[in-house]
Protein backbone atom coordinates (compact mmCIF):
# COMPACT_ATOMS: atom_id res chain seq x y z
CA MET A 1 140.44 144.45 49.07
CA THR A 2 140.14 146.59 45.88
CA THR A 3 138.78 145.27 42.32
CA ASP A 4 139.00 146.78 39.11
CA GLN A 5 135.28 146.07 37.76
CA PRO A 6 133.21 149.47 37.20
CA VAL A 7 130.75 149.50 39.71
CA ALA A 8 127.25 148.43 38.23
CA LEU A 9 124.43 151.63 37.93
CA ARG A 10 121.21 151.73 37.34
CA ALA A 11 118.04 154.19 37.86
CA GLY A 12 114.85 154.77 36.81
CA PHE A 13 112.26 157.45 36.12
CA ASP A 14 108.35 157.09 36.32
CA LEU A 15 106.64 160.06 33.70
CA ARG A 16 103.01 161.18 33.37
CA VAL A 17 102.01 159.84 29.52
CA THR A 18 101.83 163.30 28.07
CA PRO A 19 102.81 165.34 24.69
CA SER A 20 105.64 166.31 26.60
CA ALA A 21 106.67 163.24 28.44
CA PRO A 22 109.36 163.05 24.97
CA SER A 23 110.84 165.13 25.56
CA VAL A 24 111.11 165.28 29.50
CA ALA A 25 112.51 161.42 28.84
CA ARG A 26 115.52 163.14 26.56
CA ARG A 27 116.55 165.11 28.82
CA LEU A 28 115.79 163.21 31.87
CA VAL A 29 118.58 160.69 29.91
CA ALA A 30 120.76 162.51 28.43
CA GLU A 31 121.50 164.44 32.10
CA LEU A 32 122.08 161.45 33.35
CA LEU A 33 124.13 159.66 30.90
CA ARG A 34 126.44 162.93 31.13
CA ALA A 35 126.65 162.48 35.05
CA TRP A 36 127.43 158.53 34.59
CA GLU A 37 130.22 159.93 31.72
CA ILE A 38 129.03 157.38 28.42
CA VAL A 39 130.49 158.77 25.66
CA MET A 40 128.51 161.20 23.09
CA ASP A 41 127.49 158.79 20.79
CA VAL A 42 125.94 156.59 23.14
CA LEU A 43 124.18 159.57 24.39
CA ALA A 44 123.02 160.71 21.24
CA ASP A 45 121.79 156.93 20.22
CA ALA A 46 120.32 156.01 24.11
CA THR A 47 117.90 159.44 23.58
CA LEU A 48 116.97 158.62 20.76
CA LEU A 49 116.00 154.99 21.56
CA VAL A 50 114.24 157.03 24.85
CA SER A 51 112.33 159.58 22.39
CA GLU A 52 110.72 156.75 19.99
CA LEU A 53 110.21 154.41 22.61
CA VAL A 54 108.18 156.57 25.18
CA SER A 55 107.33 158.45 22.02
CA ASN A 56 105.20 155.11 21.04
CA ALA A 57 104.06 154.65 24.79
CA VAL A 58 102.14 158.03 24.09
CA GLU A 59 100.82 157.68 20.73
CA HIS A 60 99.81 154.25 20.54
CA ALA A 61 98.37 154.31 24.64
CA GLY A 62 95.03 154.93 23.56
CA GLY A 63 93.79 155.75 27.20
CA GLU A 64 94.93 152.93 28.97
CA LEU A 65 98.05 154.57 30.25
CA THR A 66 98.79 157.04 32.83
CA ARG A 67 102.78 156.31 33.31
CA VAL A 68 105.43 155.03 31.80
CA GLU A 69 108.33 153.44 33.42
CA LEU A 70 111.74 153.51 31.81
CA THR A 71 115.01 151.92 33.93
CA LEU A 72 118.39 152.12 32.51
CA ALA A 73 120.83 150.60 33.61
CA ARG A 74 124.78 150.53 33.43
CA ALA A 75 127.11 147.12 33.44
CA ASP A 76 130.84 145.96 32.34
CA GLY A 77 130.32 148.08 29.47
CA VAL A 78 127.06 147.68 28.66
CA LEU A 79 124.12 150.51 28.70
CA ARG A 80 120.26 148.52 28.75
CA VAL A 81 117.69 150.46 28.58
């Protein structure tokens, strides 16, 4: 039996909260989304979003947060971060 529905994809990253975490997150997400063959406009938006989210986590953690978990999923034409 075959189906025309796309395969759902999911990936996660566990990042240490350090000043370099935003750039590490951008690189990991860009590599992942290229492998998933995400169009360039969406890839650019997603890497910007991830950079902002991780930057905020690092800046506002107040020393209480040591790790940040980042999860991405693609299904039914939707990318979730």
